Amino acid sequence: MTSETLHQFIPRFREAKILVIGDLMLDEFVWGKVSRISPEAPVPVVWVQSESVMPGGAANVANNIRALGGQVTMVGVVGEDRWGSVLLAELASREVETSGVFKVARPTTVKTRVIAHHQQVVRVDREQREPLPASMVERLTRVVTEQMHHVDALIIEDYGKGVITRQLLETVIPVARKRKKIITVDPKQEHFDLYRRVTALTPNRAEAGEAVGRELESNTDVQRAGEEILKRLECDGLLVTLGEDGMCVFERSGRKTLIPTVAQEVFDVAGAGDTVIATFTLALASGATMEQAARLANYAAGLVVGKLGVAVATPEELRDRLHARPMPAARRSSRKPLSARR
């Protein structure tokens, strides 16, 4: 495989249709400077110079898909508050379809980051984590089921804020599987075993460790955990992100591929996981193999961590990075397919 091999999938992103369901958030950024310490407490005083907002959480996944050229429909909820209206406006401005997003009587999840001199000083979270009422879950489930006819892939983005529930998963996953749709999941521990027989999951190292009940300190630990999760859930693939160590792809055939990071500089890792699942799913929906999709996701993640704040990658940036950075050598191993093991 070469970088040129991956180029063929980028123009195909425009044809891919992705449905995203999950916890929508709004990321607020307060940008400023620090020149002194507060006399009231040993904390910096930030002189605010500007403020900005970006879609976050599942909304950032949808934003990444649109930035890369894909077509996307968002399903979820926002609060009946100013922040909910702001988030819907931000998604509309990015041409994200939001007819499946409903306003509910709970606060919109907002993460406020105060940044000074290119460093995050503090983050303030406003959220409510209780599961949605059963009536709203049923409404979201109906929307997903209706939309399934019109999309190539379903992304389930579980941030543990109440949208993704057992009730929802026990309906939408079987429907998506029956209609032979790609299903990718950014999982949380409490729902892990509900993701049986999806196409692929994209946990980070910590989430994969929580799934198997132990810390994953070495590559050997990661490989054992990946095999265990793949066997337990009977999914086609597993993409474990490893931060500065890159990512590891596990396939049902028994093949494992460790892909080194291509990030040149790391300013901010916020939202990198959203970029990974967005790019990975777009690539799969465009005909890429698991490894090809993971490599494209690796390049896209390398781009966004080099930007400050929650960011996205564009097709042009992805093409330029593929030209500029040679594809790192991957370490592979192959064992018996999981289905053949005893």
Protein backbone atom coordinates (compact mmCIF):
# COMPACT_ATOMS: atom_id res chain seq x y z
CA MET A 1 0.00 0.00 0.00
CA THR A 2 1.23 3.52 -0.87
CA SER A 3 0.01 7.04 -0.23
CA GLU A 4 -1.15 7.12 -3.85
CA THR A 5 -3.42 4.16 -3.13
CA LEU A 6 -5.23 6.19 -0.50
CA HIS A 7 -5.78 9.20 -2.77
CA GLN A 8 -8.46 7.38 -4.76
CA PHE A 9 -10.88 7.37 -1.83
CA ILE A 10 -10.86 11.10 -1.08
CA PRO A 11 -12.98 12.15 -4.12
CA ARG A 12 -15.42 9.35 -3.25
CA PHE A 13 -16.16 10.99 0.12
CA ARG A 14 -18.60 13.31 -1.70
CA GLU A 15 -20.85 10.37 -2.54
CA ALA A 16 -20.92 8.84 0.96
CA LYS A 17 -24.04 9.37 3.08
CA ILE A 18 -23.56 9.00 6.83
CA LEU A 19 -26.09 9.03 9.68
CA VAL A 20 -24.73 10.13 13.06
CA ILE A 21 -26.60 9.58 16.31
CA GLY A 22 -25.23 10.55 19.69
CA ASP A 23 -24.59 13.23 22.28
CA LEU A 24 -24.44 16.69 20.73
CA MET A 25 -22.30 19.32 22.43
CA LEU A 26 -21.21 22.87 21.87
CA ASP A 27 -17.53 23.71 22.33
CA GLU A 28 -17.02 27.32 23.44
CA PHE A 29 -13.55 28.89 23.33
CA VAL A 30 -12.46 31.96 25.27
CA TRP A 31 -9.17 33.25 23.87
CA GLY A 32 -6.98 35.64 25.82
CA LYS A 33 -3.67 36.57 27.39
CA VAL A 34 -2.22 36.16 30.87
CA SER A 35 0.01 38.85 32.35
CA ARG A 36 -0.50 38.44 36.09
CA ILE A 37 -1.68 36.19 38.90
CA SER A 38 -4.92 37.02 40.69
CA PRO A 39 -4.48 38.66 44.12
CA GLU A 40 -7.57 36.71 45.27
CA ALA A 41 -6.16 33.22 44.61
CA PRO A 42 -3.05 31.67 43.01
CA VAL A 43 -4.66 31.50 39.55
CA PRO A 44 -3.90 33.35 36.31
CA VAL A 45 -6.02 36.33 35.29
CA VAL A 46 -7.03 35.89 31.63
CA TRP A 47 -7.59 39.05 29.64
CA VAL A 48 -10.26 37.98 27.13
CA GLN A 49 -9.61 39.04 23.55
CA SER A 50 -12.08 36.92 21.57
CA GLU A 51 -14.62 34.12 21.83
CA SER A 52 -15.74 31.42 19.40
CA VAL A 53 -17.91 28.30 19.25
CA MET A 54 -17.70 24.99 17.40
CA PRO A 55 -19.90 21.88 17.20
CA GLY A 56 -18.67 19.29 19.71
CA GLY A 57 -19.24 15.65 20.58
CA ALA A 58 -21.41 13.87 18.03
CA ALA A 59 -21.95 17.23 16.34
CA ASN A 60 -18.20 17.46 15.78
CA VAL A 61 -18.24 14.05 14.11
CA ALA A 62 -20.89 15.38 11.72
CA ASN A 63 -18.83 18.55 11.23
CA ASN A 64 -15.75 16.48 10.34
CA ILE A 65 -17.73 14.46 7.80
CA ARG A 66 -18.98 17.62 6.09
CA ALA A 67 -15.51 19.21 6.15
CA LEU A 68 -14.19 16.14 4.31
CA GLY A 69 -16.95 16.41 1.72
CA GLY A 70 -19.35 13.71 2.93
CA GLN A 71 -23.12 14.02 3.27
CA VAL A 72 -24.37 13.74 6.84
CA THR A 73 -27.58 13.66 8.83
CA MET A 74 -27.47 14.34 12.58
CA VAL A 75 -29.81 12.72 15.11
CA GLY A 76 -29.93 13.74 18.77
CA VAL A 77 -31.14 16.45 21.13
CA VAL A 78 -30.23 19.94 22.28
CA GLY A 79 -31.66 22.00 25.13
CA GLU A 80 -34.42 24.56 24.92
CA ASP A 81 -31.86 27.27 25.57
CA ARG A 82 -29.67 29.80 23.81
CA TRP A 83 -26.83 27.32 23.44
CA GLY A 84 -29.09 24.83 21.67
CA SER A 85 -30.10 27.46 19.13
CA VAL A 86 -26.45 28.43 18.64
CA LEU A 87 -25.45 24.80 18.03
CA LEU A 88 -28.24 24.22 15.51
CA ALA A 89 -27.23 27.41 13.69
CA GLU A 90 -23.58 26.28 13.61
CA LEU A 91 -24.59 22.91 12.12
CA ALA A 92 -26.88 24.55 9.56
CA SER A 93 -24.08 26.88 8.46
CA ARG A 94 -21.97 23.78 7.76
CA GLU A 95 -24.77 22.12 5.76
CA VAL A 96 -25.38 19.36 8.30
CA GLU A 97 -28.93 18.00 8.06
CA THR A 98 -30.55 18.52 11.49
CA SER A 99 -34.20 17.51 10.96
CA GLY A 100 -33.50 14.63 13.38
CA VAL A 101 -32.33 16.92 16.19
CA PHE A 102 -34.99 17.79 18.78
CA LYS A 103 -35.14 20.40 21.53
CA VAL A 104 -35.77 18.99 25.01
CA ALA A 105 -36.25 20.38 28.52
CA ARG A 106 -32.65 19.92 29.63
CA PRO A 107 -29.51 22.03 29.21
CA THR A 108 -27.45 21.80 26.04
CA THR A 109 -24.09 20.22 26.85
CA VAL A 110 -21.49 23.00 26.66
CA LYS A 111 -17.74 22.69 27.21
CA THR A 112 -16.02 26.03 27.71
CA ARG A 113 -12.26 26.13 27.25
CA VAL A 114 -10.25 29.17 28.32
CA ILE A 115 -7.05 29.38 26.26
CA ALA A 116 -4.15 31.78 26.79
CA HIS A 117 -0.82 31.81 24.95
CA HIS A 118 -1.76 28.64 23.02
CA GLN A 119 -2.42 26.69 26.21
CA GLN A 120 -5.67 25.62 27.84
CA VAL A 121 -5.99 27.27 31.25
CA VAL A 122 -9.23 25.66 32.40
CA ARG A 123 -12.28 23.83 31.05
CA VAL A 124 -15.81 24.34 32.38
CA ASP A 125 -18.49 21.71 31.61
CA ARG A 126 -22.24 22.31 31.71
CA GLU A 127 -24.23 19.13 31.18
CA GLN A 128 -26.95 16.76 32.32
CA ARG A 129 -26.19 13.03 32.09
CA GLU A 130 -29.52 11.41 32.93
CA PRO A 131 -30.92 9.14 30.20
CA LEU A 132 -33.57 10.71 27.97
CA PRO A 133 -37.23 9.88 28.64
CA ALA A 134 -38.43 6.70 26.92
CA SER A 135 -40.77 8.72 24.70
CA MET A 136 -37.88 10.76 23.29
CA VAL A 137 -35.75 7.63 22.81
CA GLU A 138 -38.61 6.13 20.81
CA ARG A 139 -38.79 9.29 18.71
CA LEU A 140 -35.06 9.20 17.97
CA THR A 141 -35.26 5.49 17.19
CA ARG A 142 -38.02 6.10 14.64
CA VAL A 143 -35.96 8.80 12.93
CA VAL A 144 -32.89 6.55 12.70
CA THR A 145 -34.96 3.66 11.35
CA GLU A 146 -36.57 5.88 8.71
CA GLN A 147 -33.25 7.41 7.66
CA MET A 148 -31.52 4.05 7.37
CA HIS A 149 -32.92 3.59 3.85
CA HIS A 150 -31.04 6.66 2.62
CA VAL A 151 -27.54 6.24 4.07
CA ASP A 152 -24.45 4.07 3.61
CA ALA A 153 -23.29 4.02 7.22
CA LEU A 154 -24.41 4.65 10.79
CA ILE A 155 -22.10 6.20 13.40
CA ILE A 156 -23.06 5.75 17.06
CA GLU A 157 -21.27 8.40 19.11
CA ASP A 158 -21.66 7.59 22.81
CA TYR A 159 -20.33 10.28 25.16
CA GLY A 160 -22.41 9.05 28.09
CA LYS A 161 -24.70 12.11 28.17
CA GLY A 162 -28.00 10.21 27.96
CA VAL A 163 -28.84 9.89 24.26
CA ILE A 164 -27.40 6.42 23.68
CA THR A 165 -29.42 3.95 25.75
CA ARG A 166 -30.03 0.21 25.80
CA GLN A 167 -33.54 0.82 24.46
CA LEU A 168 -32.16 2.66 21.44
CA LEU A 169 -29.28 0.30 20.71
CA GLU A 170 -31.41 -2.84 20.88
CA THR A 171 -33.50 -1.44 18.03
CA VAL A 172 -31.20 0.51 15.72
CA ILE A 173 -28.28 -1.96 15.54
CA PRO A 174 -30.42 -4.92 14.37
CA VAL A 175 -32.15 -2.66 11.82
CA ALA A 176 -28.82 -1.41 10.46
CA ARG A 177 -27.42 -4.95 10.30
CA LYS A 178 -30.53 -6.23 8.52
CA ARG A 179 -30.13 -3.51 5.90
CA LYS A 180 -26.42 -4.30 5.57
CA LYS A 181 -25.23 -0.85 6.60
CA ILE A 182 -21.77 -0.07 7.92
CA ILE A 183 -22.01 0.50 11.69
CA THR A 184 -19.15 2.19 13.53
CA VAL A 185 -19.15 3.04 17.23
CA ASP A 186 -17.22 5.36 19.52
CA PRO A 187 -18.11 3.39 22.67
CA LYS A 188 -18.54 3.92 26.38
CA GLN A 189 -17.97 1.14 28.88
CA GLU A 190 -21.53 0.88 30.17
CA HIS A 191 -22.86 -0.10 26.73
CA PHE A 192 -19.89 -2.08 25.44
CA ASP A 193 -21.58 -5.47 25.26
CA LEU A 194 -24.53 -4.01 23.33
CA TYR A 195 -22.26 -3.42 20.34
CA ARG A 196 -22.11 -7.04 19.26
CA ARG A 197 -21.69 -7.64 15.53
CA VAL A 198 -21.27 -4.01 14.50
CA THR A 199 -18.78 -3.28 11.72
CA ALA A 200 -16.13 -1.66 13.93
CA LEU A 201 -15.49 0.15 17.19
CA THR A 202 -12.96 2.97 17.69
CA PRO A 203 -12.07 3.07 21.42
CA ASN A 204 -8.97 4.80 22.72
CA ARG A 205 -6.45 2.93 24.86
CA ALA A 206 -8.22 3.76 28.14
CA GLU A 207 -11.65 2.74 26.84
CA ALA A 208 -10.29 -0.55 25.49
CA GLY A 209 -8.67 -1.16 28.88
CA GLU A 210 -11.95 -0.50 30.69
CA ALA A 211 -13.67 -2.99 28.38
CA VAL A 212 -11.32 -5.80 29.44
CA GLY A 213 -10.92 -4.66 33.05
CA ARG A 214 -7.22 -3.84 33.07
CA GLU A 215 -4.75 -1.10 32.10
CA LEU A 216 -3.04 -1.47 28.74
CA GLU A 217 0.54 -0.37 29.34
CA SER A 218 2.35 -2.09 26.47
CA ASN A 219 1.72 -2.97 22.84
CA THR A 220 1.36 -6.58 23.93
CA ASP A 221 -1.38 -5.54 26.37
CA VAL A 222 -3.16 -3.66 23.58
CA GLN A 223 -2.95 -6.62 21.21
CA ARG A 224 -4.35 -9.06 23.76
CA ALA A 225 -7.17 -6.68 24.66
CA GLY A 226 -7.99 -6.09 20.99
CA GLU A 227 -8.23 -9.79 20.30
CA GLU A 228 -10.41 -10.29 23.37
CA ILE A 229 -12.81 -7.47 22.45
CA LEU A 230 -13.06 -8.58 18.82
CA LYS A 231 -13.85 -12.14 19.84
CA ARG A 232 -16.34 -11.07 22.50
CA LEU A 233 -18.28 -8.68 20.28
CA GLU A 234 -17.94 -10.61 16.99
CA CYS A 235 -17.43 -7.39 15.05
CA ASP A 236 -15.54 -7.14 11.76
CA GLY A 237 -12.87 -4.81 13.06
CA LEU A 238 -11.52 -2.77 15.94
CA LEU A 239 -9.51 0.43 15.73
CA VAL A 240 -7.75 1.31 18.99
CA THR A 241 -6.27 4.82 19.06
CA LEU A 242 -3.03 5.07 21.03
CA GLY A 243 -2.25 8.80 21.10
CA GLU A 244 1.40 9.47 20.25
CA ASP A 245 1.85 5.74 19.54
CA GLY A 246 -0.55 5.87 16.59
CA MET A 247 -3.30 3.29 16.30
CA CYS A 248 -3.77 -0.46 16.02
CA VAL A 249 -6.25 -2.14 13.66
CA PHE A 250 -7.63 -5.57 14.46
CA GLU A 251 -9.53 -7.50 11.79
CA ARG A 252 -11.74 -10.53 12.14
CA SER A 253 -9.41 -12.46 9.83
CA GLY A 254 -6.85 -12.35 12.64
CA ARG A 255 -4.71 -9.67 11.02
CA LYS A 256 -3.39 -6.89 13.25
CA THR A 257 -1.70 -3.71 11.99
CA LEU A 258 0.09 -1.16 14.17
CA ILE A 259 0.14 2.20 12.39
CA PRO A 260 2.59 4.83 13.72
CA THR A 261 1.36 8.40 14.11
CA VAL A 262 2.06 10.89 11.32
CA ALA A 263 1.44 13.97 13.49
CA GLN A 264 4.23 16.52 13.05
CA GLU A 265 3.29 18.80 15.94
CA VAL A 266 0.69 18.35 18.66
CA PHE A 267 -1.02 21.52 19.89
CA ASP A 268 -4.39 20.15 20.99
CA VAL A 269 -5.85 16.62 21.02
CA ALA A 270 -9.42 17.83 21.65
CA GLY A 271 -11.78 16.25 19.11
CA ALA A 272 -9.14 14.02 17.52
CA GLY A 273 -11.22 10.91 18.26
CA ASP A 274 -14.16 12.50 16.43
CA THR A 275 -11.95 13.06 13.38
CA VAL A 276 -10.80 9.43 13.51
CA ILE A 277 -14.28 7.87 13.47
CA ALA A 278 -15.55 10.37 10.88
CA THR A 279 -12.69 9.72 8.44
CA PHE A 280 -12.61 5.97 9.12
CA THR A 281 -16.34 5.62 8.41
CA LEU A 282 -16.25 7.85 5.33
CA ALA A 283 -13.42 5.74 3.93
CA LEU A 284 -15.22 2.45 4.63
CA ALA A 285 -18.35 3.84 2.96
CA SER A 286 -16.16 4.82 -0.01
CA GLY A 287 -14.88 1.27 -0.51
CA ALA A 288 -11.68 1.28 1.55
CA THR A 289 -10.48 -1.74 3.49
CA MET A 290 -10.15 -1.57 7.26
CA GLU A 291 -6.43 -0.82 7.04
CA GLN A 292 -6.84 1.76 4.28
CA ALA A 293 -9.62 3.49 6.24
CA ALA A 294 -7.49 3.48 9.40
CA ARG A 295 -4.51 4.97 7.56
CA LEU A 296 -6.64 7.81 6.18
CA ALA A 297 -8.02 8.40 9.69
CA ASN A 298 -4.45 8.47 11.01
CA TYR A 299 -3.48 11.18 8.52
CA ALA A 300 -6.60 13.23 9.28
CA ALA A 301 -6.01 12.98 13.04
CA GLY A 302 -2.40 14.06 12.50
CA LEU A 303 -3.73 17.22 10.86
CA VAL A 304 -6.25 18.21 13.54
CA VAL A 305 -3.94 17.72 16.53
CA GLY A 306 -1.63 20.25 14.89
CA LYS A 307 -4.35 22.90 15.19
CA LEU A 308 -5.43 24.69 18.35
CA GLY A 309 -8.96 23.98 19.56
CA VAL A 310 -11.48 21.46 18.22
CA ALA A 311 -10.63 21.35 14.51
CA VAL A 312 -11.38 19.52 11.27
CA ALA A 313 -9.41 18.35 8.26
CA THR A 314 -10.32 19.14 4.64
CA PRO A 315 -9.87 17.00 1.51
CA GLU A 316 -7.21 19.42 0.28
CA GLU A 317 -5.24 19.19 3.52
CA LEU A 318 -5.53 15.42 3.50
CA ARG A 319 -4.24 15.21 -0.08
CA ASP A 320 -1.37 17.58 0.70
CA ARG A 321 -0.41 15.57 3.79
CA LEU A 322 -0.46 12.32 1.82
CA HIS A 323 1.92 13.91 -0.71
CA ALA A 324 4.18 15.47 1.91
CA ARG A 325 4.48 12.65 4.43
CA PRO A 326 5.64 9.17 3.35
CA MET A 327 3.43 6.40 4.61
CA PRO A 328 4.99 5.02 7.81
CA ALA A 329 5.81 1.34 7.82
CA ALA A 330 3.23 -0.74 9.62
CA ARG A 331 3.88 -3.71 11.83
CA ARG A 332 1.61 -6.60 11.01
CA SER A 333 0.92 -9.98 12.41
CA SER A 334 -1.57 -12.63 11.43
CA ARG A 335 -3.03 -15.49 13.35
CA LYS A 336 -5.93 -17.83 12.84
CA PRO A 337 -9.26 -16.05 12.23
CA LEU A 338 -11.11 -15.48 15.48
CA SER A 339 -14.00 -17.61 14.28
CA ALA A 340 -11.64 -20.59 14.01
CA ARG A 341 -10.34 -20.41 17.57
CA ARG A 342 -11.48 -22.59 20.43
